[in-house]
C-alpha cells in the first residue's frame, strides 16, 4: 500500500503548489529534496553509500534533551540495581502491543519503565511497573539497558547517543527506513506486532544486550553523535 499512501500525499502537496502558483512535483521524493540546500539530521555512518553534493550536508542527529518534564514524583530517584527496559511507543506508536510486551518482561524479571503517553493499558496490571503518562526520556534512557520504541529517529538516536540498544516496533514508513539502517549495523532489532512471539522477543532482547558486535557499534555511533553535538 506504500505507493498509494505516497501518491495521496503527493496530491495534497501539489494542490498546495497549485494554490500558490508553483510547479508540481513528479514524486514525493522530488519534493523532499526540493530545497536549495539539503541538511540531513542523521549520522552519516548509517548511510555509507550516500554521496553529498556541495549543497548537501549531514548535520548529525537532532536530539531533544527535555529539561521540562520532571521525573515522576512517585518513582524512586534511585532505581533498584537490575536490568531495566524503557518502553515508550510515543504519540503514534502501536500501543496495542504494549500489554503483551509488559507481560513478557514482567515474567522474565525485568525492571520496566513505561511512558504511556496518556494511554490506558487496561489489559495489564501495572502495580509493579514504573508507569507514567510523561517521562523525561533523557533520564529514563540513562537508567536503562534497552529501549523499546516505535523506531523513529528522535528516540533511536537519543538512545544510541547513550550507548543503549533499541528494539523497535515501527508503524510508519520513516520508522521502517530508520530501523532498517540500524539493523544493518546491529544497533537495533525489530518486532512485528502482528506476529508477536514472547520467546523470539526475548531472544532479540538478549542478543541486543549481550552481543559484542552490538556493544562495539554502540560505542562507535555514540562517539559520532557526540562529535556532531560538540560542533
Protein backbone atom coordinates (compact mmCIF):
# COMPACT_ATOMS: atom_id res chain seq x y z
CA UNK A 1 0.00 0.00 0.00
CA UNK A 2 3.03 2.30 0.23
CA UNK A 3 2.67 3.68 -3.35
CA UNK A 4 -0.99 4.51 -2.66
CA UNK A 5 -0.09 6.42 0.51
CA UNK A 6 2.78 8.27 -1.17
CA UNK A 7 0.63 9.24 -4.15
CA UNK A 8 -2.10 10.55 -1.86
CA UNK A 9 0.46 12.67 -0.01
CA UNK A 10 1.79 13.96 -3.33
CA UNK A 11 -1.73 15.04 -4.39
CA UNK A 12 -2.04 17.19 -1.27
CA UNK A 13 1.41 18.71 -1.83
CA UNK A 14 0.68 19.55 -5.46
CA UNK A 15 -2.69 21.02 -4.52
CA UNK A 16 -0.80 23.40 -2.24
CA UNK A 17 1.67 24.11 -5.07
CA UNK A 18 -1.15 24.93 -7.49
CA UNK A 19 -2.84 27.24 -4.99
CA UNK A 20 0.41 29.19 -4.74
CA UNK A 21 1.13 29.07 -8.49
CA UNK A 22 4.21 26.91 -8.06
CA UNK A 23 5.37 23.96 -10.13
CA UNK A 24 4.10 20.46 -9.39
CA UNK A 25 6.39 17.69 -8.22
CA UNK A 26 6.64 14.42 -10.14
CA UNK A 27 7.28 12.40 -6.96
CA UNK A 28 7.24 12.92 -3.23
CA UNK A 29 10.99 12.29 -3.22
CA UNK A 30 11.49 15.25 -5.54
CA UNK A 31 9.52 17.31 -3.01
CA UNK A 32 11.67 16.06 -0.12
CA UNK A 33 14.80 17.24 -1.91
CA UNK A 34 13.44 20.48 -3.37
CA UNK A 35 15.41 22.89 -1.18
CA UNK A 36 18.35 24.91 -2.42
CA UNK A 37 20.29 23.25 0.38
CA UNK A 38 19.63 19.84 1.91
CA UNK A 39 20.58 19.21 5.54
CA UNK A 40 20.30 15.65 6.79
CA UNK A 41 19.80 15.28 10.59
CA UNK A 42 21.35 11.83 10.59
CA UNK A 43 24.56 10.02 11.43
CA UNK A 44 26.39 9.71 8.09
CA UNK A 45 27.95 6.36 9.04
CA UNK A 46 24.48 4.81 8.76
CA UNK A 47 24.40 5.77 5.08
CA UNK A 48 27.85 4.82 3.73
CA UNK A 49 26.63 4.87 0.12
CA UNK A 50 25.35 8.45 0.31
CA UNK A 51 27.22 10.92 -1.90
CA UNK A 52 26.98 14.53 -0.75
CA UNK A 53 26.96 17.35 -3.27
CA UNK A 54 28.15 20.90 -2.45
CA UNK A 55 24.56 21.76 -1.46
CA UNK A 56 24.03 18.69 0.73
CA UNK A 57 25.40 18.04 4.19
CA UNK A 58 24.91 15.70 7.13
CA UNK A 59 24.47 17.78 10.28
CA UNK A 60 24.09 14.90 12.72
CA UNK A 61 21.07 13.81 14.78
CA UNK A 62 18.98 16.50 16.45
CA UNK A 63 18.27 15.23 19.96
CA UNK A 64 15.71 16.90 22.21
CA UNK A 65 17.05 16.54 25.74
CA UNK A 66 13.88 17.59 27.50
CA UNK A 67 14.58 19.54 30.71
CA UNK A 68 10.95 20.45 31.43
CA UNK A 69 9.32 17.09 32.17
CA UNK A 70 10.08 16.09 35.75
CA UNK A 71 10.96 12.62 36.99
CA UNK A 72 7.62 11.18 38.19
CA UNK A 73 7.39 12.01 41.90
CA UNK A 74 6.00 8.55 42.75
CA UNK A 75 9.06 6.85 41.21
CA UNK A 76 12.18 6.39 43.36
CA UNK A 77 15.06 8.68 42.45
CA UNK A 78 17.39 5.69 42.59
CA UNK A 79 16.02 2.56 40.95
CA UNK A 80 16.91 -0.95 42.16
CA UNK A 81 20.04 -2.35 40.51
CA UNK A 82 18.63 -4.77 37.95
CA UNK A 83 18.25 -4.99 34.20
CA UNK A 84 15.92 -2.20 33.15
CA UNK A 85 13.94 -1.65 29.96
CA UNK A 86 12.35 1.66 28.99
CA UNK A 87 9.17 1.28 26.92
CA UNK A 88 7.92 4.36 25.08
CA UNK A 89 5.75 3.95 21.99
CA UNK A 90 5.32 7.70 21.56
CA UNK A 91 2.29 9.51 20.24
CA UNK A 92 1.91 7.42 17.07
CA UNK A 93 3.30 4.03 18.06
CA UNK A 94 1.46 0.72 18.29
CA UNK A 95 0.20 0.92 21.89
CA UNK A 96 -1.98 -2.16 21.42
CA UNK A 97 1.07 -4.40 21.73
CA UNK A 98 2.33 -2.74 24.94
CA UNK A 99 0.43 -5.04 27.35
CA UNK A 100 1.96 -8.13 25.69
CA UNK A 101 5.43 -6.62 25.95
CA UNK A 102 4.99 -5.63 29.58
CA UNK A 103 3.63 -9.08 30.50
CA UNK A 104 6.60 -10.79 28.84
CA UNK A 105 9.12 -8.50 30.54
CA UNK A 106 7.47 -8.89 33.96
CA UNK A 107 7.51 -12.67 33.67
CA UNK A 108 11.24 -12.53 32.98
CA UNK A 109 12.10 -10.28 35.93
CA UNK A 110 13.00 -7.11 34.03
CA UNK A 111 12.55 -3.75 35.69
CA UNK A 112 10.23 -1.76 33.43
CA UNK A 113 9.87 1.98 32.92
CA UNK A 114 6.84 2.89 30.81
CA UNK A 115 5.85 6.17 29.20
CA UNK A 116 2.19 5.61 28.34
CA UNK A 117 1.67 8.93 26.50
CA UNK A 118 -1.71 9.04 28.21
CA UNK A 119 -2.85 5.61 27.02
CA UNK A 120 -4.67 3.35 29.48
CA UNK A 121 -3.15 -0.12 29.40
CA UNK A 122 -6.21 -1.78 30.94
CA UNK A 123 -5.25 -5.30 29.85
CA UNK A 124 -2.20 -5.49 32.14
CA UNK A 125 -1.55 -4.97 35.83
CA UNK A 126 0.89 -2.06 36.21
CA UNK A 127 1.22 -2.10 40.00
CA UNK A 128 4.80 -3.43 39.89
CA UNK A 129 5.77 -1.37 36.82
CA UNK A 130 7.04 2.22 36.81
CA UNK A 131 4.42 3.77 34.52
CA UNK A 132 3.64 7.42 33.89
CA UNK A 133 1.94 9.39 31.13
CA UNK A 134 5.04 11.52 30.62
CA UNK A 135 8.63 10.63 31.43
CA UNK A 136 11.87 12.62 30.97
CA UNK A 137 13.39 10.43 28.27
CA UNK A 138 16.97 11.55 28.90
CA UNK A 139 16.90 10.28 32.48
CA UNK A 140 14.89 7.15 31.66
CA UNK A 141 17.28 6.11 28.90
CA UNK A 142 20.27 6.73 31.16
CA UNK A 143 18.82 4.34 33.75
CA UNK A 144 18.02 1.63 31.19
CA UNK A 145 19.82 -1.22 29.46
CA UNK A 146 17.48 -1.32 26.47
CA UNK A 147 14.86 0.94 24.89
CA UNK A 148 11.70 -0.34 23.20
CA UNK A 149 10.06 2.29 20.98
CA UNK A 150 8.40 2.89 17.60
CA UNK A 151 11.75 3.23 15.82
CA UNK A 152 11.56 6.92 14.95
CA UNK A 153 14.74 8.95 14.62
CA UNK A 154 14.13 11.00 17.76
CA UNK A 155 14.09 8.15 20.27
CA UNK A 156 16.51 5.86 18.46
CA UNK A 157 19.24 8.49 18.12
CA UNK A 158 18.64 9.62 21.71
CA UNK A 159 19.17 6.04 22.89
CA UNK A 160 22.21 5.43 20.71
CA UNK A 161 23.83 8.64 21.94
CA UNK A 162 23.84 6.99 25.38
CA UNK A 163 25.07 3.62 24.05
CA UNK A 164 21.70 1.97 24.63
CA UNK A 165 20.43 -0.54 22.03
CA UNK A 166 16.92 -0.34 20.60
CA UNK A 167 14.18 -2.85 19.93
CA UNK A 168 11.78 -1.12 17.57
CA UNK A 169 8.17 -1.76 16.66
CA UNK A 170 7.80 0.51 13.63
CA UNK A 171 4.45 1.57 12.21
CA UNK A 172 5.21 4.36 9.74
CA UNK A 173 7.38 4.23 6.65
CA UNK A 174 10.02 6.58 8.07
CA UNK A 175 10.32 4.36 11.16
CA UNK A 176 10.75 1.31 8.93
CA UNK A 177 13.51 3.05 6.97
CA UNK A 178 15.34 4.19 10.12
CA UNK A 179 15.28 0.79 11.80
CA UNK A 180 16.35 -0.91 8.57
CA UNK A 181 19.59 1.09 8.67
CA UNK A 182 20.08 0.44 12.39
CA UNK A 183 19.59 -3.31 11.98
CA UNK A 184 22.32 -3.45 9.36
CA UNK A 185 24.72 -2.04 11.97
CA UNK A 186 23.47 -4.42 14.72
CA UNK A 187 22.37 -1.37 16.73
CA UNK A 188 18.73 -2.41 16.84
CA UNK A 189 16.26 -5.13 16.05
CA UNK A 190 12.57 -5.01 15.16
CA UNK A 191 9.41 -6.79 16.21
CA UNK A 192 6.30 -7.37 14.09
CA UNK A 193 3.27 -6.56 16.28
CA UNK A 194 1.03 -8.79 14.15
CA UNK A 195 3.23 -11.81 14.80
CA UNK A 196 4.37 -11.32 18.38
CA UNK A 197 6.04 -14.33 19.95
CA UNK A 198 7.33 -13.99 23.52
CA UNK A 199 10.20 -16.47 23.09
CA UNK A 200 11.51 -14.83 19.92
CA UNK A 201 11.05 -11.42 21.51
CA UNK A 202 13.25 -12.42 24.45
CA UNK A 203 15.89 -13.85 22.12
CA UNK A 204 16.13 -10.48 20.36
CA UNK A 205 16.40 -8.65 23.69
CA UNK A 206 19.13 -10.98 24.94
CA UNK A 207 21.08 -10.60 21.69
CA UNK A 208 20.98 -6.80 21.87
CA UNK A 209 22.09 -6.86 25.50
CA UNK A 210 24.94 -9.35 25.15
CA UNK A 211 26.32 -9.36 21.59
CA UNK A 212 29.84 -7.95 21.39
CA UNK A 213 29.30 -6.57 17.89
CA UNK A 214 26.33 -4.55 19.18
CA UNK A 215 28.38 -3.15 22.06
CA UNK A 216 31.18 -2.19 19.66
CA UNK A 217 28.81 -0.48 17.23
CA UNK A 218 27.11 1.39 20.10
CA UNK A 219 30.47 2.82 21.12
CA UNK A 220 31.15 3.98 17.57
CA UNK A 221 27.77 5.58 16.92
CA UNK A 222 27.77 7.28 20.32
CA UNK A 223 31.14 8.90 19.60
CA UNK A 224 29.92 10.03 16.18
CA UNK A 225 26.78 11.64 17.63
CA UNK A 226 28.80 13.31 20.40
CA UNK A 227 31.17 14.78 17.81
CA UNK A 228 28.27 16.39 15.94
CA UNK A 229 26.77 17.74 19.17
CA UNK A 230 30.09 19.41 20.07
CA UNK A 231 30.20 21.05 16.65
